[in-house]
N, C-alpha and C. Protein backbone atom coordinates (compact mmCIF):
# COMPACT_ATOMS: atom_id res chain seq x y z
N MET A 1 0.85 -1.18 0.02
CA MET A 1 0.01 0.00 0.00
C MET A 1 0.88 1.25 0.00
N PHE A 2 0.23 2.36 0.07
CA PHE A 2 0.94 3.63 0.06
C PHE A 2 1.70 3.83 1.36
N GLN A 3 2.81 4.47 1.30
CA GLN A 3 3.64 4.68 2.47
C GLN A 3 3.11 5.79 3.36
N ASP A 4 2.40 6.72 2.80
CA ASP A 4 1.93 7.85 3.59
C ASP A 4 0.54 7.63 4.24
N VAL A 5 0.02 6.41 4.13
CA VAL A 5 -1.27 6.08 4.73
C VAL A 5 -1.01 5.36 6.06
N SER A 6 -1.63 5.84 7.13
CA SER A 6 -1.38 5.22 8.45
C SER A 6 -2.13 3.92 8.59
N ASN A 7 -1.74 3.15 9.58
CA ASN A 7 -2.37 1.86 9.84
C ASN A 7 -3.84 2.03 10.23
N VAL A 8 -4.14 3.06 10.93
CA VAL A 8 -5.53 3.35 11.34
C VAL A 8 -6.41 3.56 10.11
N GLN A 9 -5.91 4.27 9.15
CA GLN A 9 -6.67 4.52 7.91
C GLN A 9 -6.85 3.21 7.12
N ARG A 10 -5.82 2.37 7.09
CA ARG A 10 -5.92 1.05 6.43
C ARG A 10 -6.97 0.18 7.09
N ILE A 11 -6.95 0.17 8.41
CA ILE A 11 -7.95 -0.61 9.14
C ILE A 11 -9.34 -0.06 8.90
N GLY A 12 -9.48 1.28 8.86
CA GLY A 12 -10.76 1.90 8.59
C GLY A 12 -11.31 1.52 7.22
N VAL A 13 -10.46 1.51 6.22
CA VAL A 13 -10.88 1.14 4.86
C VAL A 13 -11.30 -0.33 4.84
N ALA A 14 -10.53 -1.17 5.51
CA ALA A 14 -10.87 -2.62 5.55
C ALA A 14 -12.21 -2.86 6.28
N LEU A 15 -12.42 -2.14 7.36
CA LEU A 15 -13.69 -2.27 8.09
C LEU A 15 -14.85 -1.77 7.25
N PHE A 16 -14.63 -0.64 6.56
CA PHE A 16 -15.68 -0.10 5.70
C PHE A 16 -16.01 -1.08 4.58
N ALA A 17 -15.00 -1.70 3.98
CA ALA A 17 -15.24 -2.67 2.90
C ALA A 17 -15.96 -3.89 3.45
N ALA A 18 -15.60 -4.35 4.65
CA ALA A 18 -16.26 -5.51 5.22
C ALA A 18 -17.73 -5.17 5.54
N ALA A 19 -17.99 -3.99 6.10
CA ALA A 19 -19.35 -3.57 6.41
C ALA A 19 -20.18 -3.46 5.15
N THR A 20 -19.59 -2.97 4.07
CA THR A 20 -20.32 -2.86 2.79
C THR A 20 -20.67 -4.26 2.28
N ALA A 21 -19.74 -5.20 2.41
CA ALA A 21 -20.04 -6.58 1.93
C ALA A 21 -21.14 -7.22 2.77
N VAL A 22 -21.09 -7.04 4.07
CA VAL A 22 -22.14 -7.59 4.95
C VAL A 22 -23.48 -6.95 4.67
N TRP A 23 -23.51 -5.66 4.46
CA TRP A 23 -24.76 -4.93 4.15
C TRP A 23 -25.34 -5.47 2.82
N THR A 24 -24.49 -5.67 1.82
CA THR A 24 -24.94 -6.14 0.52
C THR A 24 -25.53 -7.55 0.64
N VAL A 25 -24.85 -8.42 1.35
CA VAL A 25 -25.36 -9.78 1.51
C VAL A 25 -26.70 -9.73 2.28
N GLY A 26 -26.79 -8.94 3.30
CA GLY A 26 -28.04 -8.80 4.06
C GLY A 26 -29.20 -8.26 3.19
N LEU A 27 -28.89 -7.27 2.37
CA LEU A 27 -29.91 -6.70 1.50
C LEU A 27 -30.42 -7.72 0.49
N VAL A 28 -29.53 -8.49 -0.08
CA VAL A 28 -29.93 -9.53 -1.05
C VAL A 28 -30.82 -10.58 -0.35
N ARG A 29 -30.46 -10.96 0.86
CA ARG A 29 -31.27 -11.93 1.58
C ARG A 29 -32.66 -11.42 1.89
N VAL A 30 -32.76 -10.16 2.31
CA VAL A 30 -34.05 -9.55 2.61
C VAL A 30 -34.91 -9.46 1.35
N MET A 31 -34.31 -9.08 0.24
CA MET A 31 -35.05 -8.97 -0.99
C MET A 31 -35.57 -10.34 -1.47
N ARG A 32 -34.76 -11.40 -1.33
CA ARG A 32 -35.21 -12.72 -1.71
C ARG A 32 -36.30 -13.22 -0.80
N ARG A 33 -36.20 -12.92 0.49
CA ARG A 33 -37.22 -13.35 1.44
C ARG A 33 -38.57 -12.64 1.11
N ASP A 34 -38.50 -11.34 0.84
CA ASP A 34 -39.71 -10.61 0.51
C ASP A 34 -40.35 -11.12 -0.79
N ARG A 35 -39.50 -11.45 -1.75
CA ARG A 35 -40.02 -11.98 -3.02
C ARG A 35 -40.70 -13.30 -2.78
N LEU A 36 -40.11 -14.15 -1.93
CA LEU A 36 -40.70 -15.45 -1.63
C LEU A 36 -42.02 -15.26 -0.89
N ARG A 37 -42.08 -14.35 0.05
CA ARG A 37 -43.33 -14.09 0.78
C ARG A 37 -44.43 -13.57 -0.16
N ALA A 38 -44.03 -12.70 -1.09
CA ALA A 38 -45.00 -12.18 -2.05
C ALA A 38 -45.56 -13.31 -2.93
N GLU A 39 -44.69 -14.23 -3.32
CA GLU A 39 -45.16 -15.36 -4.15
C GLU A 39 -46.10 -16.25 -3.35
N VAL A 40 -45.79 -16.49 -2.09
CA VAL A 40 -46.71 -17.27 -1.25
C VAL A 40 -48.03 -16.60 -1.10
N ARG A 41 -48.02 -15.27 -0.91
CA ARG A 41 -49.28 -14.54 -0.81
C ARG A 41 -50.09 -14.63 -2.08
N ARG A 42 -49.41 -14.52 -3.25
CA ARG A 42 -50.14 -14.62 -4.52
C ARG A 42 -50.77 -15.97 -4.68
N ARG A 43 -50.06 -17.03 -4.32
CA ARG A 43 -50.61 -18.39 -4.39
C ARG A 43 -51.78 -18.53 -3.47
N ALA A 44 -51.68 -17.99 -2.26
CA ALA A 44 -52.79 -18.07 -1.29
C ALA A 44 -54.00 -17.32 -1.81
N ASP A 45 -53.77 -16.16 -2.47
CA ASP A 45 -54.91 -15.40 -3.04
C ASP A 45 -55.59 -16.20 -4.15
N ARG A 46 -54.80 -16.87 -4.96
CA ARG A 46 -55.37 -17.69 -6.03
C ARG A 46 -56.21 -18.80 -5.45
N LEU A 47 -55.76 -19.42 -4.36
CA LEU A 47 -56.54 -20.51 -3.76
C LEU A 47 -57.81 -19.97 -3.12
N ARG A 48 -57.74 -18.79 -2.54
CA ARG A 48 -58.93 -18.21 -1.92
C ARG A 48 -59.94 -17.83 -3.00
N ALA A 49 -59.50 -17.56 -4.22
CA ALA A 49 -60.42 -17.17 -5.27
C ALA A 49 -61.26 -18.34 -5.80
N LEU A 50 -60.84 -19.57 -5.46
CA LEU A 50 -61.57 -20.74 -5.94
C LEU A 50 -62.91 -20.84 -5.18
N PRO A 51 -63.94 -21.25 -5.83
CA PRO A 51 -65.23 -21.38 -5.11
C PRO A 51 -65.16 -22.50 -4.10
N ALA A 52 -65.77 -22.28 -2.97
CA ALA A 52 -65.81 -23.29 -1.92
C ALA A 52 -66.90 -24.28 -2.12
N GLN A 53 -67.93 -23.92 -2.88
CA GLN A 53 -69.07 -24.79 -3.11
C GLN A 53 -69.49 -24.66 -4.57
N GLN A 54 -70.18 -25.65 -5.05
CA GLN A 54 -70.56 -25.68 -6.45
C GLN A 54 -72.03 -25.32 -6.68
N GLY A 55 -72.66 -24.69 -5.76
CA GLY A 55 -74.04 -24.31 -5.94
C GLY A 55 -74.49 -23.46 -4.75
N PRO A 56 -75.75 -23.04 -4.79
CA PRO A 56 -76.21 -22.22 -3.65
C PRO A 56 -76.35 -23.08 -2.40
N PRO A 57 -76.20 -22.48 -1.25
CA PRO A 57 -76.41 -23.24 -0.01
C PRO A 57 -77.86 -23.78 0.04
N HIS A 58 -78.04 -24.84 0.75
CA HIS A 58 -79.35 -25.51 0.81
C HIS A 58 -80.42 -24.54 1.33
N ALA A 59 -80.07 -23.66 2.24
CA ALA A 59 -81.07 -22.73 2.81
C ALA A 59 -81.52 -21.71 1.76
N GLU A 60 -80.69 -21.45 0.73
CA GLU A 60 -81.06 -20.45 -0.26
C GLU A 60 -81.64 -21.07 -1.50
N ALA A 61 -81.69 -22.37 -1.60
CA ALA A 61 -82.24 -23.01 -2.78
C ALA A 61 -83.74 -22.85 -2.84
N VAL A 62 -84.26 -22.54 -4.05
CA VAL A 62 -85.70 -22.30 -4.24
C VAL A 62 -86.16 -23.28 -5.32
N GLN A 63 -87.23 -24.01 -5.02
CA GLN A 63 -87.81 -24.89 -5.99
C GLN A 63 -88.80 -24.10 -6.87
N LEU A 64 -88.60 -24.13 -8.18
CA LEU A 64 -89.46 -23.42 -9.11
C LEU A 64 -90.53 -24.33 -9.63
N THR A 65 -91.68 -23.73 -9.87
CA THR A 65 -92.76 -24.49 -10.53
C THR A 65 -92.48 -24.57 -12.01
N THR A 66 -93.25 -25.35 -12.72
CA THR A 66 -93.05 -25.52 -14.17
C THR A 66 -93.26 -24.19 -14.88
N ASP A 67 -94.30 -23.45 -14.48
CA ASP A 67 -94.57 -22.15 -15.11
C ASP A 67 -93.43 -21.14 -14.84
N GLU A 68 -92.91 -21.18 -13.64
CA GLU A 68 -91.80 -20.25 -13.32
C GLU A 68 -90.53 -20.60 -14.10
N ARG A 69 -90.28 -21.89 -14.27
CA ARG A 69 -89.12 -22.30 -15.08
C ARG A 69 -89.30 -21.86 -16.54
N ALA A 70 -90.49 -21.98 -17.05
CA ALA A 70 -90.75 -21.58 -18.44
C ALA A 70 -90.59 -20.07 -18.58
N ALA A 71 -91.06 -19.30 -17.60
CA ALA A 71 -90.93 -17.84 -17.64
C ALA A 71 -89.45 -17.46 -17.55
N PHE A 72 -88.71 -18.14 -16.71
CA PHE A 72 -87.29 -17.83 -16.58
C PHE A 72 -86.54 -18.18 -17.88
N ALA A 73 -86.88 -19.30 -18.48
CA ALA A 73 -86.28 -19.66 -19.76
C ALA A 73 -86.60 -18.64 -20.82
N GLY A 74 -87.83 -18.10 -20.82
CA GLY A 74 -88.16 -17.06 -21.79
C GLY A 74 -87.34 -15.81 -21.55
N LEU A 75 -87.13 -15.41 -20.31
CA LEU A 75 -86.25 -14.27 -20.03
C LEU A 75 -84.84 -14.49 -20.48
N ILE A 76 -84.34 -15.68 -20.25
CA ILE A 76 -82.99 -15.98 -20.70
C ILE A 76 -82.85 -15.88 -22.21
N ARG A 77 -83.86 -16.40 -22.93
CA ARG A 77 -83.83 -16.31 -24.36
C ARG A 77 -83.93 -14.88 -24.83
N GLN A 78 -84.77 -14.08 -24.15
CA GLN A 78 -84.95 -12.67 -24.51
C GLN A 78 -83.67 -11.88 -24.29
N PHE A 79 -83.03 -12.06 -23.14
CA PHE A 79 -81.79 -11.33 -22.85
C PHE A 79 -80.59 -11.91 -23.59
N GLY A 80 -80.69 -13.16 -23.95
CA GLY A 80 -79.57 -13.81 -24.65
C GLY A 80 -79.33 -13.25 -26.05
N GLY A 81 -80.34 -12.69 -26.67
CA GLY A 81 -80.21 -12.12 -27.99
C GLY A 81 -79.47 -10.79 -28.00
N ARG A 82 -79.46 -10.09 -26.89
CA ARG A 82 -78.80 -8.78 -26.81
C ARG A 82 -77.31 -8.98 -26.49
N ARG A 83 -76.52 -8.11 -27.07
CA ARG A 83 -75.09 -8.08 -26.74
C ARG A 83 -74.76 -6.74 -26.16
N MET A 84 -74.39 -6.74 -24.89
CA MET A 84 -74.11 -5.45 -24.24
C MET A 84 -72.64 -5.12 -24.28
């Protein structure tokens, strides 16, 4: 090294370089951990978006009469022709 640099300055530069390396490694680890947590959250959100049941609950089910089914089918045909 340079002759006019004291040992204290050399130690200071070495400590600064070591602290920079430790900080960089820590930052990379934190970023990877956050990215992993975000991916886990996205997967959990996708799973929550799946329907829990394949139809209305039994308490909300309504039995329609034949006339009501025919009227409903007519409404479906009527609205099915329109494109919104």
